[in-house]
Amino acid sequence: MATKAYILIKVKTGRTKDVLQSLKKLAGVEQAHSCFGQPDIFLFITTQDERSLSDVVITKIHQIEGVEETDTHIVADT
């Protein structure tokens, strides 16, 4: 079953535009928006499962230059 999540991303000053462009290239990203205030970017993503989500966050998002911190919220199916 697919796993959907909101990922809130804190970015180094001056890097938001570059980070946003990199995030939009990742597989499964449905929406990515920069916002005023904290966090800097809101991302909505769909992955195969929680393991795939973890892999995307740790090996892809955290590796993007300028990403300082992420906060992942898995969507609860109700």
PDB file of N, CA and C in Angstrom:
ATOM      1  N   MET A   1       0.838  -1.183   0.000  1.00  0.00           N
ATOM      2  CA  MET A   1       0.000   0.000   0.000  1.00  0.00           C
ATOM      3  C   MET A   1       0.886   1.250   0.000  1.00  0.00           C
ATOM      4  N   ALA A   2       0.530   2.220  -0.802  1.00  0.00           N
ATOM      5  CA  ALA A   2       1.312   3.450  -0.912  1.00  0.00           C
ATOM      6  C   ALA A   2       1.327   4.214   0.406  1.00  0.00           C
ATOM      7  N   THR A   3       2.431   4.882   0.642  1.00  0.00           N
ATOM      8  CA  THR A   3       2.580   5.735   1.814  1.00  0.00           C
ATOM      9  C   THR A   3       2.648   7.174   1.342  1.00  0.00           C
ATOM     10  N   LYS A   4       1.790   8.020   1.910  1.00  0.00           N
ATOM     11  CA  LYS A   4       1.775   9.447   1.596  1.00  0.00           C
ATOM     12  C   LYS A   4       2.262  10.208   2.819  1.00  0.00           C
ATOM     13  N   ALA A   5       2.980  11.290   2.574  1.00  0.00           N
ATOM     14  CA  ALA A   5       3.519  12.047   3.700  1.00  0.00           C
ATOM     15  C   ALA A   5       3.720  13.509   3.340  1.00  0.00           C
ATOM     16  N   TYR A   6       3.606  14.333   4.361  1.00  0.00           N
ATOM     17  CA  TYR A   6       3.993  15.736   4.279  1.00  0.00           C
ATOM     18  C   TYR A   6       5.372  15.817   4.916  1.00  0.00           C
ATOM     19  N   ILE A   7       6.289  16.476   4.223  1.00  0.00           N
ATOM     20  CA  ILE A   7       7.630  16.664   4.772  1.00  0.00           C
ATOM     21  C   ILE A   7       7.865  18.165   4.865  1.00  0.00           C
ATOM     22  N   LEU A   8       8.117  18.625   6.072  1.00  0.00           N
ATOM     23  CA  LEU A   8       8.390  20.035   6.327  1.00  0.00           C
ATOM     24  C   LEU A   8       9.903  20.190   6.357  1.00  0.00           C
ATOM     25  N   ILE A   9      10.411  21.139   5.597  1.00  0.00           N
ATOM     26  CA  ILE A   9      11.853  21.231   5.390  1.00  0.00           C
ATOM     27  C   ILE A   9      12.378  22.614   5.755  1.00  0.00           C
ATOM     28  N   LYS A  10      13.399  22.623   6.601  1.00  0.00           N
ATOM     29  CA  LYS A  10      14.102  23.856   6.957  1.00  0.00           C
ATOM     30  C   LYS A  10      15.336  23.950   6.062  1.00  0.00           C
ATOM     31  N   VAL A  11      15.537  25.142   5.481  1.00  0.00           N
ATOM     32  CA  VAL A  11      16.590  25.340   4.488  1.00  0.00           C
ATOM     33  C   VAL A  11      17.521  26.464   4.933  1.00  0.00           C
ATOM     34  N   LYS A  12      18.806  26.355   4.569  1.00  0.00           N
ATOM     35  CA  LYS A  12      19.766  27.419   4.840  1.00  0.00           C
ATOM     36  C   LYS A  12      19.337  28.692   4.114  1.00  0.00           C
ATOM     37  N   THR A  13      19.578  29.822   4.727  1.00  0.00           N
ATOM     38  CA  THR A  13      19.225  31.116   4.151  1.00  0.00           C
ATOM     39  C   THR A  13      19.785  31.254   2.740  1.00  0.00           C
ATOM     40  N   GLY A  14      18.920  31.678   1.828  1.00  0.00           N
ATOM     41  CA  GLY A  14      19.326  31.916   0.451  1.00  0.00           C
ATOM     42  C   GLY A  14      19.318  30.694  -0.446  1.00  0.00           C
ATOM     43  N   ARG A  15      18.947  29.526   0.078  1.00  0.00           N
ATOM     44  CA  ARG A  15      19.002  28.283  -0.705  1.00  0.00           C
ATOM     45  C   ARG A  15      17.627  27.738  -1.082  1.00  0.00           C
ATOM     46  N   THR A  16      16.560  28.392  -0.664  1.00  0.00           N
ATOM     47  CA  THR A  16      15.215  27.844  -0.844  1.00  0.00           C
ATOM     48  C   THR A  16      14.895  27.551  -2.302  1.00  0.00           C
ATOM     49  N   LYS A  17      15.173  28.462  -3.200  1.00  0.00           N
ATOM     50  CA  LYS A  17      14.832  28.272  -4.607  1.00  0.00           C
ATOM     51  C   LYS A  17      15.551  27.049  -5.187  1.00  0.00           C
ATOM     52  N   ASP A  18      16.844  26.906  -4.897  1.00  0.00           N
ATOM     53  CA  ASP A  18      17.627  25.778  -5.404  1.00  0.00           C
ATOM     54  C   ASP A  18      17.130  24.451  -4.829  1.00  0.00           C
ATOM     55  N   VAL A  19      16.848  24.444  -3.533  1.00  0.00           N
ATOM     56  CA  VAL A  19      16.356  23.228  -2.882  1.00  0.00           C
ATOM     57  C   VAL A  19      14.999  22.846  -3.466  1.00  0.00           C
ATOM     58  N   LEU A  20      14.133  23.808  -3.645  1.00  0.00           N
ATOM     59  CA  LEU A  20      12.802  23.555  -4.191  1.00  0.00           C
ATOM     60  C   LEU A  20      12.892  22.924  -5.581  1.00  0.00           C
ATOM     61  N   GLN A  21      13.771  23.431  -6.418  1.00  0.00           N
ATOM     62  CA  GLN A  21      13.950  22.865  -7.762  1.00  0.00           C
ATOM     63  C   GLN A  21      14.437  21.423  -7.691  1.00  0.00           C
ATOM     64  N   SER A  22      15.347  21.127  -6.786  1.00  0.00           N
ATOM     65  CA  SER A  22      15.857  19.756  -6.631  1.00  0.00           C
ATOM     66  C   SER A  22      14.776  18.819  -6.122  1.00  0.00           C
ATOM     67  N   LEU A  23      13.972  19.283  -5.178  1.00  0.00           N
ATOM     68  CA  LEU A  23      12.907  18.450  -4.619  1.00  0.00           C
ATOM     69  C   LEU A  23      11.873  18.084  -5.667  1.00  0.00           C
ATOM     70  N   LYS A  24      11.538  19.020  -6.539  1.00  0.00           N
ATOM     71  CA  LYS A  24      10.513  18.779  -7.566  1.00  0.00           C
ATOM     72  C   LYS A  24      10.935  17.704  -8.560  1.00  0.00           C
ATOM     73  N   LYS A  25      12.216  17.395  -8.635  1.00  0.00           N
ATOM     74  CA  LYS A  25      12.732  16.369  -9.541  1.00  0.00           C
ATOM     75  C   LYS A  25      12.646  14.958  -8.949  1.00  0.00           C
ATOM     76  N   LEU A  26      12.396  14.843  -7.652  1.00  0.00           N
ATOM     77  CA  LEU A  26      12.358  13.539  -7.001  1.00  0.00           C
ATOM     78  C   LEU A  26      11.092  12.775  -7.374  1.00  0.00           C
ATOM     79  N   ALA A  27      11.242  11.476  -7.597  1.00  0.00           N
ATOM     80  CA  ALA A  27      10.096  10.618  -7.910  1.00  0.00           C
ATOM     81  C   ALA A  27       9.114  10.625  -6.751  1.00  0.00           C
ATOM     82  N   GLY A  28       7.846  10.715  -7.072  1.00  0.00           N
ATOM     83  CA  GLY A  28       6.797  10.656  -6.056  1.00  0.00           C
ATOM     84  C   GLY A  28       6.363  11.984  -5.490  1.00  0.00           C
ATOM     85  N   VAL A  29       7.122  13.043  -5.770  1.00  0.00           N
ATOM     86  CA  VAL A  29       6.757  14.357  -5.250  1.00  0.00           C
ATOM     87  C   VAL A  29       5.527  14.845  -6.008  1.00  0.00           C
ATOM     88  N   GLU A  30       4.460  15.105  -5.259  1.00  0.00           N
ATOM     89  CA  GLU A  30       3.223  15.590  -5.866  1.00  0.00           C
ATOM     90  C   GLU A  30       3.112  17.103  -5.771  1.00  0.00           C
ATOM     91  N   GLN A  31       3.600  17.665  -4.664  1.00  0.00           N
ATOM     92  CA  GLN A  31       3.582  19.117  -4.495  1.00  0.00           C
ATOM     93  C   GLN A  31       4.778  19.534  -3.655  1.00  0.00           C
ATOM     94  N   ALA A  32       5.306  20.702  -3.983  1.00  0.00           N
ATOM     95  CA  ALA A  32       6.396  21.281  -3.197  1.00  0.00           C
ATOM     96  C   ALA A  32       6.224  22.794  -3.254  1.00  0.00           C
ATOM     97  N   HIS A  33       6.139  23.419  -2.086  1.00  0.00           N
ATOM     98  CA  HIS A  33       5.880  24.858  -2.015  1.00  0.00           C
ATOM     99  C   HIS A  33       6.805  25.521  -1.005  1.00  0.00           C
ATOM    100  N   SER A  34       7.377  26.652  -1.405  1.00  0.00           N
ATOM    101  CA  SER A  34       8.110  27.457  -0.425  1.00  0.00           C
ATOM    102  C   SER A  34       7.092  28.365   0.257  1.00  0.00           C
ATOM    103  N   CYS A  35       7.329  28.642   1.531  1.00  0.00           N
ATOM    104  CA  CYS A  35       6.398  29.425   2.338  1.00  0.00           C
ATOM    105  C   CYS A  35       7.156  30.447   3.169  1.00  0.00           C
ATOM    106  N   PHE A  36       6.457  31.488   3.573  1.00  0.00           N
ATOM    107  CA  PHE A  36       7.030  32.446   4.512  1.00  0.00           C
ATOM    108  C   PHE A  36       7.011  31.803   5.894  1.00  0.00           C
ATOM    109  N   GLY A  37       7.992  32.091   6.714  1.00  0.00           N
ATOM    110  CA  GLY A  37       8.043  31.537   8.066  1.00  0.00           C
ATOM    111  C   GLY A  37       8.683  30.165   8.074  1.00  0.00           C
ATOM    112  N   GLN A  38       8.478  29.472   9.166  1.00  0.00           N
ATOM    113  CA  GLN A  38       9.052  28.134   9.334  1.00  0.00           C
ATOM    114  C   GLN A  38       7.974  27.081   9.255  1.00  0.00           C
ATOM    115  N   PRO A  39       8.185  25.985   8.588  1.00  0.00           N
ATOM    116  CA  PRO A  39       9.376  25.646   7.820  1.00  0.00           C
ATOM    117  C   PRO A  39       9.416  26.411   6.498  1.00  0.00           C
ATOM    118  N   ASP A  40      10.516  26.260   5.793  1.00  0.00           N
ATOM    119  CA  ASP A  40      10.700  26.988   4.535  1.00  0.00           C
ATOM    120  C   ASP A  40       9.973  26.339   3.369  1.00  0.00           C
ATOM    121  N   ILE A  41       9.874  25.002   3.403  1.00  0.00           N
ATOM    122  CA  ILE A  41       9.255  24.268   2.301  1.00  0.00           C
ATOM    123  C   ILE A  41       8.309  23.212   2.853  1.00  0.00           C
ATOM    124  N   PHE A  42       7.135  23.104   2.221  1.00  0.00           N
ATOM    125  CA  PHE A  42       6.184  22.029   2.491  1.00  0.00           C
ATOM    126  C   PHE A  42       6.198  21.115   1.268  1.00  0.00           C
ATOM    127  N   LEU A  43       6.402  19.823   1.495  1.00  0.00           N
ATOM    128  CA  LEU A  43       6.471  18.844   0.422  1.00  0.00           C
ATOM    129  C   LEU A  43       5.423  17.771   0.664  1.00  0.00           C
ATOM    130  N   PHE A  44       4.731  17.347  -0.389  1.00  0.00           N
ATOM    131  CA  PHE A  44       3.800  16.225  -0.298  1.00  0.00           C
ATOM    132  C   PHE A  44       4.295  15.161  -1.261  1.00  0.00           C
ATOM    133  N   ILE A  45       4.483  13.944  -0.748  1.00  0.00           N
ATOM    134  CA  ILE A  45       5.086  12.873  -1.531  1.00  0.00           C
ATOM    135  C   ILE A  45       4.333  11.561  -1.341  1.00  0.00           C
ATOM    136  N   THR A  46       4.339  10.731  -2.380  1.00  0.00           N
ATOM    137  CA  THR A  46       3.788   9.383  -2.295  1.00  0.00           C
ATOM    138  C   THR A  46       4.901   8.406  -2.654  1.00  0.00           C
ATOM    139  N   THR A  47       5.089   7.402  -1.792  1.00  0.00           N
ATOM    140  CA  THR A  47       6.087   6.370  -2.029  1.00  0.00           C
ATOM    141  C   THR A  47       5.423   4.999  -1.926  1.00  0.00           C
ATOM    142  N   GLN A  48       6.156   3.954  -2.272  1.00  0.00           N
ATOM    143  CA  GLN A  48       5.615   2.594  -2.219  1.00  0.00           C
ATOM    144  C   GLN A  48       5.194   2.196  -0.814  1.00  0.00           C
ATOM    145  N   ASP A  49       6.047   2.511   0.148  1.00  0.00           N
ATOM    146  CA  ASP A  49       5.809   2.101   1.527  1.00  0.00           C
ATOM    147  C   ASP A  49       6.670   2.958   2.457  1.00  0.00           C
ATOM    148  N   GLU A  50       6.596   2.694   3.756  1.00  0.00           N
ATOM    149  CA  GLU A  50       7.348   3.501   4.722  1.00  0.00           C
ATOM    150  C   GLU A  50       8.857   3.346   4.555  1.00  0.00           C
ATOM    151  N   ARG A  51       9.296   2.179   4.175  1.00  0.00           N
ATOM    152  CA  ARG A  51      10.736   1.968   3.959  1.00  0.00           C
ATOM    153  C   ARG A  51      11.229   2.843   2.805  1.00  0.00           C
ATOM    154  N   SER A  52      10.446   2.905   1.733  1.00  0.00           N
ATOM    155  CA  SER A  52      10.811   3.757   0.591  1.00  0.00           C
ATOM    156  C   SER A  52      10.815   5.228   0.986  1.00  0.00           C
ATOM    157  N   LEU A  53       9.845   5.613   1.806  1.00  0.00           N
ATOM    158  CA  LEU A  53       9.783   6.991   2.295  1.00  0.00           C
ATOM    159  C   LEU A  53      11.042   7.328   3.091  1.00  0.00           C
ATOM    160  N   SER A  54      11.407   6.441   3.986  1.00  0.00           N
ATOM    161  CA  SER A  54      12.611   6.642   4.788  1.00  0.00           C
ATOM    162  C   SER A  54      13.841   6.785   3.895  1.00  0.00           C
ATOM    163  N   ASP A  55      13.924   5.967   2.874  1.00  0.00           N
ATOM    164  CA  ASP A  55      15.050   6.022   1.948  1.00  0.00           C
ATOM    165  C   ASP A  55      15.100   7.370   1.222  1.00  0.00           C
ATOM    166  N   VAL A  56      13.954   7.854   0.768  1.00  0.00           N
ATOM    167  CA  VAL A  56      13.907   9.144   0.075  1.00  0.00           C
ATOM    168  C   VAL A  56      14.363  10.268   1.001  1.00  0.00           C
ATOM    169  N   VAL A  57      13.871  10.263   2.226  1.00  0.00           N
ATOM    170  CA  VAL A  57      14.222  11.328   3.168  1.00  0.00           C
ATOM    171  C   VAL A  57      15.710  11.289   3.500  1.00  0.00           C
ATOM    172  N   ILE A  58      16.209  10.118   3.836  1.00  0.00           N
ATOM    173  CA  ILE A  58      17.593  10.007   4.312  1.00  0.00           C
ATOM    174  C   ILE A  58      18.623  10.100   3.185  1.00  0.00           C
ATOM    175  N   THR A  59      18.379   9.400   2.077  1.00  0.00           N
ATOM    176  CA  THR A  59      19.411   9.338   1.040  1.00  0.00           C
ATOM    177  C   THR A  59      19.242  10.358  -0.074  1.00  0.00           C
ATOM    178  N   LYS A  60      18.077  10.976  -0.177  1.00  0.00           N
ATOM    179  CA  LYS A  60      17.884  11.953  -1.248  1.00  0.00           C
ATOM    180  C   LYS A  60      17.670  13.367  -0.705  1.00  0.00           C
ATOM    181  N   ILE A  61      16.661  13.548   0.121  1.00  0.00           N
ATOM    182  CA  ILE A  61      16.352  14.906   0.602  1.00  0.00           C
ATOM    183  C   ILE A  61      17.469  15.451   1.484  1.00  0.00           C
ATOM    184  N   HIS A  62      17.961  14.642   2.411  1.00  0.00           N
ATOM    185  CA  HIS A  62      19.010  15.125   3.308  1.00  0.00           C
ATOM    186  C   HIS A  62      20.325  15.392   2.574  1.00  0.00           C
ATOM    187  N   GLN A  63      20.479  14.850   1.386  1.00  0.00           N
ATOM    188  CA  GLN A  63      21.703  15.054   0.612  1.00  0.00           C
ATOM    189  C   GLN A  63      21.666  16.317  -0.252  1.00  0.00           C
ATOM    190  N   ILE A  64      20.508  16.950  -0.355  1.00  0.00           N
ATOM    191  CA  ILE A  64      20.394  18.175  -1.154  1.00  0.00           C
ATOM    192  C   ILE A  64      21.099  19.314  -0.419  1.00  0.00           C
ATOM    193  N   GLU A  65      21.997  19.976  -1.118  1.00  0.00           N
ATOM    194  CA  GLU A  65      22.746  21.096  -0.533  1.00  0.00           C
ATOM    195  C   GLU A  65      21.776  22.189  -0.105  1.00  0.00           C
ATOM    196  N   GLY A  66      21.850  22.568   1.164  1.00  0.00           N
ATOM    197  CA  GLY A  66      20.997  23.611   1.702  1.00  0.00           C
ATOM    198  C   GLY A  66      19.931  23.102   2.659  1.00  0.00           C
ATOM    199  N   VAL A  67      19.623  21.809   2.606  1.00  0.00           N
ATOM    200  CA  VAL A  67      18.636  21.245   3.528  1.00  0.00           C
ATOM    201  C   VAL A  67      19.277  21.124   4.911  1.00  0.00           C
ATOM    202  N   GLU A  68      18.635  21.717   5.901  1.00  0.00           N
ATOM    203  CA  GLU A  68      19.151  21.664   7.269  1.00  0.00           C
ATOM    204  C   GLU A  68      18.410  20.648   8.132  1.00  0.00           C
ATOM    205  N   GLU A  69      17.106  20.523   7.921  1.00  0.00           N
ATOM    206  CA  GLU A  69      16.299  19.704   8.831  1.00  0.00           C
ATOM    207  C   GLU A  69      14.998  19.321   8.129  1.00  0.00           C
ATOM    208  N   THR A  70      14.512  18.111   8.445  1.00  0.00           N
ATOM    209  CA  THR A  70      13.213  17.690   7.929  1.00  0.00           C
ATOM    210  C   THR A  70      12.338  17.205   9.077  1.00  0.00           C
ATOM    211  N   ASP A  71      11.042  17.284   8.868  1.00  0.00           N
ATOM    212  CA  ASP A  71      10.050  16.800   9.837  1.00  0.00           C
ATOM    213  C   ASP A  71       8.981  16.099   9.011  1.00  0.00           C
ATOM    214  N   THR A  72       8.916  14.757   9.102  1.00  0.00           N
ATOM    215  CA  THR A  72       8.035  13.963   8.254  1.00  0.00           C
ATOM    216  C   THR A  72       6.766  13.570   8.985  1.00  0.00           C
ATOM    217  N   HIS A  73       5.625  13.757   8.301  1.00  0.00           N
ATOM    218  CA  HIS A  73       4.316  13.421   8.857  1.00  0.00           C
ATOM    219  C   HIS A  73       3.598  12.483   7.883  1.00  0.00           C
ATOM    220  N   ILE A  74       3.498  11.211   8.261  1.00  0.00           N
ATOM    221  CA  ILE A  74       2.844  10.233   7.416  1.00  0.00           C
ATOM    222  C   ILE A  74       1.331  10.419   7.518  1.00  0.00           C
ATOM    223  N   VAL A  75       0.669  10.403   6.364  1.00  0.00           N
ATOM    224  CA  VAL A  75      -0.782  10.569   6.317  1.00  0.00           C
ATOM    225  C   VAL A  75      -1.446   9.314   6.856  1.00  0.00           C
ATOM    226  N   ALA A  76      -2.375   9.501   7.788  1.00  0.00           N
ATOM    227  CA  ALA A  76      -3.129   8.389   8.366  1.00  0.00           C
ATOM    228  C   ALA A  76      -4.357   8.137   7.516  1.00  0.00           C
ATOM    229  N   ASP A  77      -4.496   6.930   7.028  1.00  0.00           N
ATOM    230  CA  ASP A  77      -5.697   6.578   6.263  1.00  0.00           C
ATOM    231  C   ASP A  77      -6.833   6.315   7.242  1.00  0.00           C
ATOM    232  N   THR A  78      -7.894   7.087   7.117  1.00  0.00           N
ATOM    233  CA  THR A  78      -9.027   6.901   8.021  1.00  0.00           C
ATOM    234  C   THR A  78     -10.279   6.580   7.249  1.00  0.00           C
TER     235      THR A  78
END
